[in-house]
Amino acid sequence: MATVDYSSLTVPELKALLDERAVDYASNAKKQDLIDLLEG
């Protein structure tokens, strides 16, 4: 499995990935918060 460098993605891209995984996040979440959610 390839490792994704989430920090290189934009906030909308991170939110799209979370949406695909059906992960809830705050609409005002900071980029690092989104990355933390993706990395589990």
Protein backbone atom coordinates (compact mmCIF):
# COMPACT_ATOMS: atom_id res chain seq x y z
CA MET A 1 0.00 0.00 0.00
CA ALA A 2 1.43 3.34 -1.05
CA THR A 3 1.90 6.01 1.57
CA VAL A 4 0.14 9.28 0.83
CA ASP A 5 1.72 12.56 1.86
CA TYR A 6 -1.45 14.20 3.13
CA SER A 7 0.37 17.43 3.94
CA SER A 8 0.88 18.00 0.20
CA LEU A 9 -2.89 17.92 -0.42
CA THR A 10 -5.24 20.87 -0.15
CA VAL A 11 -7.93 21.10 2.52
CA PRO A 12 -10.72 20.43 -0.04
CA GLU A 13 -8.82 17.32 -1.23
CA LEU A 14 -8.45 16.11 2.35
CA LYS A 15 -12.16 16.67 3.00
CA ALA A 16 -13.02 14.76 -0.18
CA LEU A 17 -10.95 11.78 1.03
CA LEU A 18 -12.70 11.88 4.40
CA ASP A 19 -16.08 12.05 2.64
CA GLU A 20 -15.17 8.96 0.58
CA ARG A 21 -14.35 7.13 3.82
CA ALA A 22 -17.53 8.39 5.52
CA VAL A 23 -15.45 10.03 8.26
CA ASP A 24 -17.07 12.94 10.08
CA TYR A 25 -15.09 16.14 10.58
CA ALA A 26 -15.87 19.66 11.72
CA SER A 27 -16.54 22.09 8.89
CA ASN A 28 -14.00 24.45 10.44
CA ALA A 29 -11.39 21.73 11.06
CA LYS A 30 -7.79 22.75 10.53
CA LYS A 31 -5.67 20.99 7.93
CA GLN A 32 -3.65 19.11 10.56
CA ASP A 33 -6.86 17.89 12.19
CA LEU A 34 -8.01 16.46 8.86
CA ILE A 35 -4.62 14.79 8.33
CA ASP A 36 -4.82 13.25 11.81
CA LEU A 37 -8.25 11.81 10.98
CA LEU A 38 -6.98 10.31 7.73
CA GLU A 39 -3.96 8.77 9.40
CA GLY A 40 -6.25 7.25 12.02
